């Protein structure tokens, strides 16, 4: 049961255009947006930030979701792990690669550029933040400064989402529950407090 009841889509009809864009991208509208709807200016700001961060033309959509997935796994947010697994699959990340995401350091499914980005996602999502100058030296071998900013922006966006959804106990939607739980079952993931 969520800690704050989500508003209905009808109550937030003025954002229907944005919801349709989100739905076209994700296949559904996250319940977290309906909870943010209690404070419309927060919802508006978040919609703009999320769209800007996640629609970068500097990183592949699949890598964006893998970065978000690793950051969410470190944070322990099952809601966001299910979302990022489902969204990664929608963006062409193969099931085996997603299932092995936590093995990115050793799996031959990942290249050195992906390892550098995922390493930063993992280590900077630890509390306290465990990123170092070495992370950025590794990133610069593969990415421009602009691309590095985009990597950090994805990690930071999901830092907010991980805390928002775990704290609010946001109920997981059917679509990511089905897709995310299938991919994550190998790691013992199961629907818990975020069940629909």
C-alpha atoms as a PDB file:
ATOM      1  CA  UNK A   1       0.000   0.000   0.000  1.00  0.00           C
ATOM      2  CA  UNK A   2       1.451   3.369  -0.992  1.00  0.00           C
ATOM      3  CA  UNK A   3       2.230   5.939   1.681  1.00  0.00           C
ATOM      4  CA  UNK A   4       0.518   8.692  -0.353  1.00  0.00           C
ATOM      5  CA  UNK A   5      -2.387   7.891  -2.657  1.00  0.00           C
ATOM      6  CA  UNK A   6      -1.746   8.698  -6.299  1.00  0.00           C
ATOM      7  CA  UNK A   7      -4.014  11.164  -8.056  1.00  0.00           C
ATOM      8  CA  UNK A   8      -5.988   9.788 -10.963  1.00  0.00           C
ATOM      9  CA  UNK A   9      -5.016  10.506 -14.550  1.00  0.00           C
ATOM     10  CA  UNK A  10      -8.314  12.355 -14.931  1.00  0.00           C
ATOM     11  CA  UNK A  11      -7.452  14.668 -12.029  1.00  0.00           C
ATOM     12  CA  UNK A  12      -4.261  15.613 -13.868  1.00  0.00           C
ATOM     13  CA  UNK A  13      -5.888  16.060 -17.281  1.00  0.00           C
ATOM     14  CA  UNK A  14      -3.807  19.179 -18.014  1.00  0.00           C
ATOM     15  CA  UNK A  15      -0.750  16.874 -18.310  1.00  0.00           C
ATOM     16  CA  UNK A  16      -2.397  14.409 -20.692  1.00  0.00           C
ATOM     17  CA  UNK A  17      -0.106  15.388 -23.576  1.00  0.00           C
ATOM     18  CA  UNK A  18       2.977  14.655 -21.464  1.00  0.00           C
ATOM     19  CA  UNK A  19       1.450  11.418 -20.181  1.00  0.00           C
ATOM     20  CA  UNK A  20       0.846  10.279 -23.752  1.00  0.00           C
ATOM     21  CA  UNK A  21       4.510  10.904 -24.621  1.00  0.00           C
ATOM     22  CA  UNK A  22       5.620   8.935 -21.554  1.00  0.00           C
ATOM     23  CA  UNK A  23       3.203   6.138 -22.433  1.00  0.00           C
ATOM     24  CA  UNK A  24       4.493   5.987 -26.009  1.00  0.00           C
ATOM     25  CA  UNK A  25       8.048   5.615 -24.704  1.00  0.00           C
ATOM     26  CA  UNK A  26       7.478   3.292 -21.741  1.00  0.00           C
ATOM     27  CA  UNK A  27       4.219   1.538 -22.588  1.00  0.00           C
ATOM     28  CA  UNK A  28       2.512   2.921 -19.475  1.00  0.00           C
ATOM     29  CA  UNK A  29       2.504   5.995 -17.233  1.00  0.00           C
ATOM     30  CA  UNK A  30       4.405   5.469 -13.956  1.00  0.00           C
ATOM     31  CA  UNK A  31       2.312   5.845 -10.812  1.00  0.00           C
ATOM     32  CA  UNK A  32       5.070   8.006  -9.352  1.00  0.00           C
ATOM     33  CA  UNK A  33       3.968  10.798 -11.707  1.00  0.00           C
ATOM     34  CA  UNK A  34       0.447  10.618 -10.334  1.00  0.00           C
ATOM     35  CA  UNK A  35       1.817  10.953  -6.800  1.00  0.00           C
ATOM     36  CA  UNK A  36       3.931  13.954  -7.829  1.00  0.00           C
ATOM     37  CA  UNK A  37       0.675  15.419  -9.145  1.00  0.00           C
ATOM     38  CA  UNK A  38      -0.178  16.506  -5.606  1.00  0.00           C
ATOM     39  CA  UNK A  39       2.339  19.263  -6.275  1.00  0.00           C
ATOM     40  CA  UNK A  40       1.844  20.283  -9.921  1.00  0.00           C
ATOM     41  CA  UNK A  41       4.994  22.402 -10.149  1.00  0.00           C
ATOM     42  CA  UNK A  42       7.045  19.400  -9.003  1.00  0.00           C
ATOM     43  CA  UNK A  43       5.393  17.180 -11.619  1.00  0.00           C
ATOM     44  CA  UNK A  44       6.044  19.765 -14.351  1.00  0.00           C
ATOM     45  CA  UNK A  45       9.678  20.202 -13.342  1.00  0.00           C
ATOM     46  CA  UNK A  46      10.221  16.465 -13.098  1.00  0.00           C
ATOM     47  CA  UNK A  47       8.635  15.782 -16.494  1.00  0.00           C
ATOM     48  CA  UNK A  48      10.986  18.309 -18.084  1.00  0.00           C
ATOM     49  CA  UNK A  49      14.072  17.008 -16.300  1.00  0.00           C
ATOM     50  CA  UNK A  50      13.291  13.347 -16.981  1.00  0.00           C
ATOM     51  CA  UNK A  51      12.609  13.999 -20.662  1.00  0.00           C
ATOM     52  CA  UNK A  52      15.843  15.970 -21.020  1.00  0.00           C
ATOM     53  CA  UNK A  53      17.981  13.379 -19.231  1.00  0.00           C
ATOM     54  CA  UNK A  54      16.518  10.279 -20.857  1.00  0.00           C
ATOM     55  CA  UNK A  55      16.307  11.520 -24.427  1.00  0.00           C
ATOM     56  CA  UNK A  56      19.969  12.376 -24.837  1.00  0.00           C
ATOM     57  CA  UNK A  57      21.372  11.865 -28.310  1.00  0.00           C
ATOM     58  CA  UNK A  58      24.823  11.293 -26.794  1.00  0.00           C
ATOM     59  CA  UNK A  59      24.190   7.852 -25.270  1.00  0.00           C
ATOM     60  CA  UNK A  60      22.233   4.922 -26.638  1.00  0.00           C
ATOM     61  CA  UNK A  61      18.789   4.441 -25.042  1.00  0.00           C
ATOM     62  CA  UNK A  62      19.844   0.955 -23.952  1.00  0.00           C
ATOM     63  CA  UNK A  63      22.939   2.263 -22.155  1.00  0.00           C
ATOM     64  CA  UNK A  64      20.841   4.941 -20.433  1.00  0.00           C
ATOM     65  CA  UNK A  65      18.595   2.208 -19.037  1.00  0.00           C
ATOM     66  CA  UNK A  66      21.524  -0.010 -18.018  1.00  0.00           C
ATOM     67  CA  UNK A  67      23.072   2.920 -16.121  1.00  0.00           C
ATOM     68  CA  UNK A  68      19.717   3.584 -14.442  1.00  0.00           C
ATOM     69  CA  UNK A  69      19.317  -0.117 -13.684  1.00  0.00           C
ATOM     70  CA  UNK A  70      22.711  -0.445 -11.988  1.00  0.00           C
ATOM     71  CA  UNK A  71      22.133   2.743  -9.948  1.00  0.00           C
ATOM     72  CA  UNK A  72      18.689   1.478  -8.889  1.00  0.00           C
ATOM     73  CA  UNK A  73      20.074  -1.946  -7.979  1.00  0.00           C
ATOM     74  CA  UNK A  74      22.678  -0.354  -5.697  1.00  0.00           C
ATOM     75  CA  UNK A  75      19.955   1.779  -4.094  1.00  0.00           C
ATOM     76  CA  UNK A  76      17.780  -1.311  -3.648  1.00  0.00           C
ATOM     77  CA  UNK A  77      14.713   0.246  -5.258  1.00  0.00           C
ATOM     78  CA  UNK A  78      12.755  -2.696  -6.673  1.00  0.00           C
ATOM     79  CA  UNK A  79      10.240  -0.373  -8.321  1.00  0.00           C
ATOM     80  CA  UNK A  80      12.988   1.323 -10.340  1.00  0.00           C
ATOM     81  CA  UNK A  81      14.786  -1.963 -11.016  1.00  0.00           C
ATOM     82  CA  UNK A  82      11.597  -3.319 -12.603  1.00  0.00           C
ATOM     83  CA  UNK A  83      11.075  -0.093 -14.571  1.00  0.00           C
ATOM     84  CA  UNK A  84      14.623   0.055 -15.881  1.00  0.00           C
ATOM     85  CA  UNK A  85      14.615  -3.656 -16.772  1.00  0.00           C
ATOM     86  CA  UNK A  86      11.373  -3.253 -18.706  1.00  0.00           C
ATOM     87  CA  UNK A  87      12.532  -0.031 -20.374  1.00  0.00           C
ATOM     88  CA  UNK A  88      15.901  -1.567 -21.274  1.00  0.00           C
ATOM     89  CA  UNK A  89      14.112  -4.456 -22.974  1.00  0.00           C
ATOM     90  CA  UNK A  90      11.909  -1.980 -24.882  1.00  0.00           C
ATOM     91  CA  UNK A  91      15.101  -0.231 -26.011  1.00  0.00           C
ATOM     92  CA  UNK A  92      16.712  -3.333 -27.461  1.00  0.00           C
ATOM     93  CA  UNK A  93      18.865  -4.584 -24.578  1.00  0.00           C
ATOM     94  CA  UNK A  94      18.900  -8.352 -24.911  1.00  0.00           C
ATOM     95  CA  UNK A  95      17.466 -10.366 -22.030  1.00  0.00           C
ATOM     96  CA  UNK A  96      20.754 -12.175 -21.372  1.00  0.00           C
ATOM     97  CA  UNK A  97      22.686  -8.897 -21.204  1.00  0.00           C
ATOM     98  CA  UNK A  98      20.158  -7.407 -18.808  1.00  0.00           C
ATOM     99  CA  UNK A  99      20.198 -10.539 -16.664  1.00  0.00           C
ATOM    100  CA  UNK A 100      24.003 -10.252 -16.498  1.00  0.00           C
ATOM    101  CA  UNK A 101      24.038  -6.497 -15.865  1.00  0.00           C
ATOM    102  CA  UNK A 102      25.431  -6.907 -12.378  1.00  0.00           C
ATOM    103  CA  UNK A 103      28.308  -8.956 -13.868  1.00  0.00           C
ATOM    104  CA  UNK A 104      29.336  -6.121 -16.209  1.00  0.00           C
ATOM    105  CA  UNK A 105      32.927  -6.150 -14.913  1.00  0.00           C
ATOM    106  CA  UNK A 106      33.569  -9.719 -16.104  1.00  0.00           C
ATOM    107  CA  UNK A 107      30.900 -10.575 -18.679  1.00  0.00           C
ATOM    108  CA  UNK A 108      31.972 -10.495 -22.324  1.00  0.00           C
ATOM    109  CA  UNK A 109      28.526  -9.061 -23.115  1.00  0.00           C
ATOM    110  CA  UNK A 110      29.867  -5.645 -22.048  1.00  0.00           C
ATOM    111  CA  UNK A 111      32.606  -3.572 -23.650  1.00  0.00           C
ATOM    112  CA  UNK A 112      35.095  -1.309 -21.878  1.00  0.00           C
ATOM    113  CA  UNK A 113      33.039   1.825 -22.541  1.00  0.00           C
ATOM    114  CA  UNK A 114      29.937   0.279 -20.965  1.00  0.00           C
ATOM    115  CA  UNK A 115      32.004  -0.991 -18.040  1.00  0.00           C
ATOM    116  CA  UNK A 116      33.318   2.510 -17.329  1.00  0.00           C
ATOM    117  CA  UNK A 117      29.810   4.001 -17.321  1.00  0.00           C
ATOM    118  CA  UNK A 118      28.286   1.184 -15.257  1.00  0.00           C
ATOM    119  CA  UNK A 119      31.180   1.260 -12.792  1.00  0.00           C
ATOM    120  CA  UNK A 120      30.486   4.939 -12.134  1.00  0.00           C
ATOM    121  CA  UNK A 121      26.751   4.175 -11.805  1.00  0.00           C
ATOM    122  CA  UNK A 122      27.485   1.470  -9.253  1.00  0.00           C
ATOM    123  CA  UNK A 123      30.068   3.324  -7.216  1.00  0.00           C
ATOM    124  CA  UNK A 124      28.467   6.770  -7.202  1.00  0.00           C
ATOM    125  CA  UNK A 125      25.170   5.262  -6.053  1.00  0.00           C
ATOM    126  CA  UNK A 126      26.779   3.912  -2.889  1.00  0.00           C
ATOM    127  CA  UNK A 127      26.197   5.972   0.214  1.00  0.00           C
ATOM    128  CA  UNK A 128      28.450   7.750   0.751  1.00  0.00           C
ATOM    129  CA  UNK A 129      29.342   8.260  -2.883  1.00  0.00           C
ATOM    130  CA  UNK A 130      32.360   6.149  -3.793  1.00  0.00           C
ATOM    131  CA  UNK A 131      33.291   7.795  -7.093  1.00  0.00           C
ATOM    132  CA  UNK A 132      36.906   8.832  -7.627  1.00  0.00           C
ATOM    133  CA  UNK A 133      39.032  10.635 -10.179  1.00  0.00           C
ATOM    134  CA  UNK A 134      39.892   7.216 -11.628  1.00  0.00           C
ATOM    135  CA  UNK A 135      36.270   6.745 -12.665  1.00  0.00           C
ATOM    136  CA  UNK A 136      36.487   9.881 -14.753  1.00  0.00           C
ATOM    137  CA  UNK A 137      39.872   8.947 -16.228  1.00  0.00           C
ATOM    138  CA  UNK A 138      38.302   5.678 -17.389  1.00  0.00           C
ATOM    139  CA  UNK A 139      35.241   7.456 -18.766  1.00  0.00           C
ATOM    140  CA  UNK A 140      37.380   9.924 -20.756  1.00  0.00           C
ATOM    141  CA  UNK A 141      38.898   7.005 -22.685  1.00  0.00           C
ATOM    142  CA  UNK A 142      35.484   6.402 -24.252  1.00  0.00           C
ATOM    143  CA  UNK A 143      33.275   9.452 -23.784  1.00  0.00           C
ATOM    144  CA  UNK A 144      33.308  13.205 -24.370  1.00  0.00           C
ATOM    145  CA  UNK A 145      32.754  15.643 -21.516  1.00  0.00           C
ATOM    146  CA  UNK A 146      29.168  16.090 -22.717  1.00  0.00           C
ATOM    147  CA  UNK A 147      28.585  12.330 -22.656  1.00  0.00           C
ATOM    148  CA  UNK A 148      30.044  12.099 -19.150  1.00  0.00           C
ATOM    149  CA  UNK A 149      27.604  14.804 -18.038  1.00  0.00           C
ATOM    150  CA  UNK A 150      24.801  12.692 -19.498  1.00  0.00           C
ATOM    151  CA  UNK A 151      25.995   9.583 -17.625  1.00  0.00           C
ATOM    152  CA  UNK A 152      26.024  11.503 -14.342  1.00  0.00           C
ATOM    153  CA  UNK A 153      22.624  13.051 -15.139  1.00  0.00           C
ATOM    154  CA  UNK A 154      21.066   9.575 -15.525  1.00  0.00           C
ATOM    155  CA  UNK A 155      22.619   8.401 -12.243  1.00  0.00           C
ATOM    156  CA  UNK A 156      21.374  11.538 -10.478  1.00  0.00           C
ATOM    157  CA  UNK A 157      17.857  11.323 -11.903  1.00  0.00           C
ATOM    158  CA  UNK A 158      17.534   7.781 -10.643  1.00  0.00           C
ATOM    159  CA  UNK A 159      18.965   8.756  -7.262  1.00  0.00           C
ATOM    160  CA  UNK A 160      15.893  10.974  -6.932  1.00  0.00           C
ATOM    161  CA  UNK A 161      13.531   8.326  -8.302  1.00  0.00           C
ATOM    162  CA  UNK A 162      14.948   5.562  -6.089  1.00  0.00           C
ATOM    163  CA  UNK A 163      14.369   7.635  -2.982  1.00  0.00           C
ATOM    164  CA  UNK A 164      10.981   8.921  -4.135  1.00  0.00           C
ATOM    165  CA  UNK A 165       9.546   5.525  -4.981  1.00  0.00           C
ATOM    166  CA  UNK A 166      10.959   3.617  -2.026  1.00  0.00           C
ATOM    167  CA  UNK A 167       9.869   6.315   0.425  1.00  0.00           C
ATOM    168  CA  UNK A 168       6.397   6.644  -1.110  1.00  0.00           C
ATOM    169  CA  UNK A 169       6.099   2.835  -1.524  1.00  0.00           C
ATOM    170  CA  UNK A 170       4.882   3.477  -5.048  1.00  0.00           C
ATOM    171  CA  UNK A 171       2.814   0.559  -6.347  1.00  0.00           C
ATOM    172  CA  UNK A 172       4.394  -1.196  -9.290  1.00  0.00           C
ATOM    173  CA  UNK A 173       2.397  -1.183 -12.516  1.00  0.00           C
ATOM    174  CA  UNK A 174       1.479  -4.448 -14.271  1.00  0.00           C
ATOM    175  CA  UNK A 175       3.723  -3.925 -17.317  1.00  0.00           C
ATOM    176  CA  UNK A 176       7.075  -3.502 -15.544  1.00  0.00           C
ATOM    177  CA  UNK A 177       6.071  -6.074 -12.932  1.00  0.00           C
ATOM    178  CA  UNK A 178       5.680  -8.686 -15.667  1.00  0.00           C
ATOM    179  CA  UNK A 179       8.778  -7.734 -17.655  1.00  0.00           C
ATOM    180  CA  UNK A 180      11.024  -6.734 -14.792  1.00  0.00           C
ATOM    181  CA  UNK A 181      10.293  -9.699 -12.554  1.00  0.00           C
ATOM    182  CA  UNK A 182      11.030 -12.134 -15.409  1.00  0.00           C
ATOM    183  CA  UNK A 183      14.447 -10.622 -16.046  1.00  0.00           C
ATOM    184  CA  UNK A 184      15.350 -10.139 -12.384  1.00  0.00           C
ATOM    185  CA  UNK A 185      14.067 -13.431 -10.971  1.00  0.00           C
ATOM    186  CA  UNK A 186      17.533 -14.966 -11.325  1.00  0.00           C
ATOM    187  CA  UNK A 187      18.820 -12.542  -8.721  1.00  0.00           C
ATOM    188  CA  UNK A 188      16.038 -13.315  -6.260  1.00  0.00           C
ATOM    189  CA  UNK A 189      13.961 -10.238  -7.129  1.00  0.00           C
ATOM    190  CA  UNK A 190      10.353 -10.483  -6.138  1.00  0.00           C
ATOM    191  CA  UNK A 191       7.522  -8.058  -5.893  1.00  0.00           C
ATOM    192  CA  UNK A 192       7.444  -6.693  -2.374  1.00  0.00           C
ATOM    193  CA  UNK A 193       6.154  -3.434  -1.004  1.00  0.00           C
ATOM    194  CA  UNK A 194       5.793  -2.031  -4.509  1.00  0.00           C
ATOM    195  CA  UNK A 195       3.286  -4.599  -5.704  1.00  0.00           C
ATOM    196  CA  UNK A 196       0.266  -3.466  -7.680  1.00  0.00           C
END
